[in-house]
Structure formats: C-alpha cells, structure tokens
N, C-alpha and C. Protein backbone atom coordinates (compact mmCIF):
# COMPACT_ATOMS: atom_id res chain seq x y z
N MET A 1 0.84 -1.17 0.00
CA MET A 1 0.00 0.00 0.00
C MET A 1 0.89 1.24 0.00
N ASN A 2 0.54 2.20 -0.82
CA ASN A 2 1.31 3.44 -0.92
C ASN A 2 0.87 4.43 0.14
N LYS A 3 1.59 5.53 0.21
CA LYS A 3 1.22 6.58 1.14
C LYS A 3 -0.14 7.17 0.76
N ALA A 4 -0.86 7.59 1.77
CA ALA A 4 -2.15 8.22 1.52
C ALA A 4 -1.94 9.57 0.84
N LYS A 5 -2.87 9.91 -0.03
CA LYS A 5 -2.83 11.19 -0.74
C LYS A 5 -4.18 11.87 -0.59
N MET A 6 -4.14 13.18 -0.54
CA MET A 6 -5.36 13.95 -0.41
C MET A 6 -5.39 15.00 -1.51
N GLN A 7 -6.53 15.12 -2.18
CA GLN A 7 -6.73 16.14 -3.19
C GLN A 7 -8.03 16.86 -2.90
N TYR A 8 -7.99 18.18 -3.00
CA TYR A 8 -9.21 18.97 -2.83
C TYR A 8 -9.49 19.69 -4.15
N PHE A 9 -10.71 19.51 -4.65
CA PHE A 9 -11.13 20.14 -5.88
C PHE A 9 -12.06 21.29 -5.50
N GLU A 10 -11.51 22.50 -5.48
CA GLU A 10 -12.22 23.66 -4.95
C GLU A 10 -13.49 23.98 -5.73
N GLN A 11 -13.43 23.94 -7.06
CA GLN A 11 -14.61 24.26 -7.88
C GLN A 11 -15.79 23.37 -7.53
N GLU A 12 -15.53 22.08 -7.32
CA GLU A 12 -16.59 21.11 -7.04
C GLU A 12 -16.84 20.92 -5.56
N ASP A 13 -15.94 21.44 -4.70
CA ASP A 13 -15.97 21.27 -3.24
C ASP A 13 -15.97 19.78 -2.88
N VAL A 14 -15.01 19.06 -3.49
CA VAL A 14 -14.88 17.62 -3.28
C VAL A 14 -13.49 17.34 -2.71
N LEU A 15 -13.46 16.56 -1.64
CA LEU A 15 -12.20 16.11 -1.05
C LEU A 15 -12.05 14.63 -1.35
N HIS A 16 -10.91 14.27 -1.92
CA HIS A 16 -10.66 12.87 -2.26
C HIS A 16 -9.44 12.38 -1.49
N LEU A 17 -9.64 11.34 -0.70
CA LEU A 17 -8.56 10.71 0.05
C LEU A 17 -8.27 9.37 -0.61
N SER A 18 -7.02 9.19 -1.03
CA SER A 18 -6.63 7.95 -1.69
C SER A 18 -5.62 7.24 -0.80
N ILE A 19 -5.88 5.96 -0.50
CA ILE A 19 -4.95 5.21 0.34
C ILE A 19 -4.23 4.11 -0.43
N ALA A 20 -4.58 3.92 -1.70
CA ALA A 20 -3.92 2.93 -2.54
C ALA A 20 -4.01 3.35 -4.00
N ASP A 21 -2.95 3.11 -4.75
CA ASP A 21 -2.93 3.41 -6.18
C ASP A 21 -3.43 2.20 -6.96
N GLU A 22 -4.71 1.92 -6.82
CA GLU A 22 -5.33 0.80 -7.51
C GLU A 22 -6.57 1.30 -8.22
N PRO A 23 -6.97 0.64 -9.27
CA PRO A 23 -8.20 1.05 -9.94
C PRO A 23 -9.44 0.78 -9.08
N GLU A 24 -10.38 1.69 -9.17
CA GLU A 24 -11.64 1.53 -8.44
C GLU A 24 -12.53 0.54 -9.19
N ALA A 25 -12.98 -0.49 -8.48
CA ALA A 25 -13.86 -1.49 -9.09
C ALA A 25 -15.30 -1.31 -8.64
N ASN A 26 -15.49 -0.68 -7.48
CA ASN A 26 -16.82 -0.52 -6.92
C ASN A 26 -16.80 0.63 -5.93
N SER A 27 -17.96 1.08 -5.53
CA SER A 27 -18.05 2.12 -4.51
C SER A 27 -19.30 1.88 -3.67
N VAL A 28 -19.24 2.37 -2.44
CA VAL A 28 -20.36 2.22 -1.51
C VAL A 28 -20.64 3.58 -0.89
N GLU A 29 -21.90 4.00 -0.94
CA GLU A 29 -22.26 5.27 -0.32
C GLU A 29 -22.41 5.04 1.18
N ILE A 30 -21.56 5.71 1.95
CA ILE A 30 -21.57 5.57 3.41
C ILE A 30 -22.62 6.50 4.02
N SER A 31 -22.71 7.69 3.48
CA SER A 31 -23.72 8.66 3.86
C SER A 31 -24.00 9.51 2.62
N PRO A 32 -24.97 10.40 2.66
CA PRO A 32 -25.30 11.15 1.45
C PRO A 32 -24.12 11.86 0.78
N ASN A 33 -23.11 12.25 1.52
CA ASN A 33 -21.98 12.99 0.93
C ASN A 33 -20.66 12.24 0.99
N ILE A 34 -20.66 11.01 1.46
CA ILE A 34 -19.41 10.26 1.59
C ILE A 34 -19.51 8.93 0.87
N THR A 35 -18.53 8.69 -0.01
CA THR A 35 -18.48 7.45 -0.78
C THR A 35 -17.16 6.75 -0.54
N ALA A 36 -17.22 5.46 -0.24
CA ALA A 36 -16.02 4.63 -0.09
C ALA A 36 -15.74 3.99 -1.44
N GLU A 37 -14.49 4.07 -1.88
CA GLU A 37 -14.08 3.47 -3.14
C GLU A 37 -13.35 2.16 -2.85
N LEU A 38 -13.70 1.12 -3.58
CA LEU A 38 -13.17 -0.22 -3.32
C LEU A 38 -12.44 -0.78 -4.54
N ASN A 39 -11.45 -1.64 -4.28
CA ASN A 39 -10.75 -2.32 -5.38
C ASN A 39 -11.47 -3.62 -5.73
N GLU A 40 -10.87 -4.40 -6.62
CA GLU A 40 -11.48 -5.68 -7.06
C GLU A 40 -11.76 -6.63 -5.90
N ALA A 41 -10.89 -6.61 -4.88
CA ALA A 41 -11.04 -7.52 -3.73
C ALA A 41 -12.02 -6.97 -2.68
N GLY A 42 -12.61 -5.80 -2.94
CA GLY A 42 -13.54 -5.20 -1.99
C GLY A 42 -12.86 -4.45 -0.86
N GLU A 43 -11.57 -4.16 -1.03
CA GLU A 43 -10.81 -3.43 0.00
C GLU A 43 -10.90 -1.93 -0.26
N LEU A 44 -10.91 -1.18 0.82
CA LEU A 44 -11.00 0.28 0.73
C LEU A 44 -9.73 0.84 0.10
N ILE A 45 -9.89 1.65 -0.94
CA ILE A 45 -8.74 2.30 -1.58
C ILE A 45 -8.86 3.82 -1.56
N GLY A 46 -10.05 4.33 -1.21
CA GLY A 46 -10.21 5.77 -1.18
C GLY A 46 -11.56 6.18 -0.63
N ILE A 47 -11.65 7.46 -0.30
CA ILE A 47 -12.90 8.04 0.20
C ILE A 47 -13.10 9.37 -0.51
N GLU A 48 -14.33 9.61 -0.92
CA GLU A 48 -14.67 10.88 -1.56
C GLU A 48 -15.73 11.57 -0.72
N ILE A 49 -15.48 12.85 -0.41
CA ILE A 49 -16.43 13.64 0.38
C ILE A 49 -16.93 14.79 -0.48
N ILE A 50 -18.22 14.80 -0.76
CA ILE A 50 -18.86 15.86 -1.54
C ILE A 50 -19.31 16.94 -0.56
N ASN A 51 -19.31 18.19 -0.99
CA ASN A 51 -19.59 19.34 -0.10
C ASN A 51 -18.65 19.29 1.09
N ALA A 52 -17.38 19.09 0.78
CA ALA A 52 -16.35 18.85 1.80
C ALA A 52 -16.20 19.99 2.80
N SER A 53 -16.25 21.23 2.33
CA SER A 53 -16.04 22.35 3.26
C SER A 53 -17.12 22.39 4.33
N SER A 54 -18.37 22.16 3.95
CA SER A 54 -19.46 22.13 4.94
C SER A 54 -19.33 20.93 5.87
N PHE A 55 -18.99 19.77 5.30
CA PHE A 55 -18.85 18.55 6.10
C PHE A 55 -17.76 18.72 7.15
N ILE A 56 -16.61 19.23 6.75
CA ILE A 56 -15.49 19.38 7.69
C ILE A 56 -15.82 20.45 8.73
N ARG A 57 -16.39 21.57 8.30
CA ARG A 57 -16.77 22.63 9.24
C ARG A 57 -17.74 22.09 10.28
N ASP A 58 -18.79 21.40 9.82
CA ASP A 58 -19.80 20.87 10.74
C ASP A 58 -19.22 19.82 11.67
N SER A 59 -18.33 18.97 11.17
CA SER A 59 -17.70 17.94 12.01
C SER A 59 -16.84 18.56 13.10
N ILE A 60 -16.10 19.59 12.74
CA ILE A 60 -15.24 20.27 13.72
C ILE A 60 -16.10 20.98 14.76
N LEU A 61 -17.17 21.64 14.32
CA LEU A 61 -18.06 22.33 15.26
C LEU A 61 -18.69 21.36 16.24
N GLU A 62 -19.19 20.23 15.73
CA GLU A 62 -19.81 19.22 16.60
C GLU A 62 -18.81 18.70 17.62
N SER A 63 -17.61 18.38 17.16
CA SER A 63 -16.58 17.85 18.04
C SER A 63 -16.19 18.88 19.11
N THR A 64 -16.01 20.11 18.69
CA THR A 64 -15.62 21.17 19.62
C THR A 64 -16.71 21.43 20.64
N GLN A 65 -17.95 21.52 20.17
CA GLN A 65 -19.07 21.76 21.09
C GLN A 65 -19.21 20.62 22.09
N GLY A 66 -19.02 19.39 21.63
CA GLY A 66 -19.09 18.24 22.52
C GLY A 66 -18.03 18.30 23.60
N LYS A 67 -16.81 18.66 23.22
CA LYS A 67 -15.72 18.75 24.20
C LYS A 67 -15.98 19.88 25.20
N ILE A 68 -16.48 21.00 24.71
CA ILE A 68 -16.78 22.14 25.61
C ILE A 68 -17.87 21.74 26.60
N LEU A 69 -18.92 21.10 26.10
CA LEU A 69 -20.01 20.67 26.99
C LEU A 69 -19.50 19.65 28.00
N ASN A 70 -18.67 18.73 27.56
CA ASN A 70 -18.11 17.71 28.45
C ASN A 70 -17.24 18.35 29.54
N LEU A 71 -16.45 19.36 29.15
CA LEU A 71 -15.60 20.04 30.12
C LEU A 71 -16.44 20.81 31.15
N SER A 72 -17.51 21.46 30.69
CA SER A 72 -18.33 22.25 31.61
C SER A 72 -19.10 21.36 32.58
N VAL A 73 -19.44 20.14 32.19
CA VAL A 73 -20.14 19.20 33.07
C VAL A 73 -19.21 18.73 34.18
N HIS A 74 -17.93 18.53 33.85
CA HIS A 74 -16.97 18.03 34.81
C HIS A 74 -16.29 19.12 35.64
N SER A 75 -16.60 20.36 35.39
CA SER A 75 -15.94 21.45 36.13
C SER A 75 -16.62 21.69 37.46
C-alpha cells in the first residue's frame, strides 16, 4: 500500500482521500456525501467527500461543542 494522498477540488468542493494506487472497481455510499471506493477484492482504496467544506466545518463544530459541553459538566 502506498502513502495516503489527499486532493481537494475547490470548484466542485470535493475532497478525495486515496490510500492505494489501484483502480476503483466498486463504490459504496456511506452517507449522502461520503463514498467509499473499493478495489477488485472489496478493499478500501479511497474516500470521496462531496460538499467537503461544509462537512469538515460541521464535524469540527460538533466535536468542539461536545468537548466544551463535556468540560463544563466536569468542572
């Protein structure tokens, strides 16, 4: 397996994470904006995130808010 690579396509707002330099044989939609790319053997070779800027922003906000709430409960 090669090093992971990340490409962001700004015009389309798509983030592509590649973990193997193999041809894609199939894909599975994990959620409405996330697709797992698979090789012939059904192994994960990449992930594509559509509307990536919103997805990442929302994920960071949720994580940060959760940590803040958790800290305030334990204070």
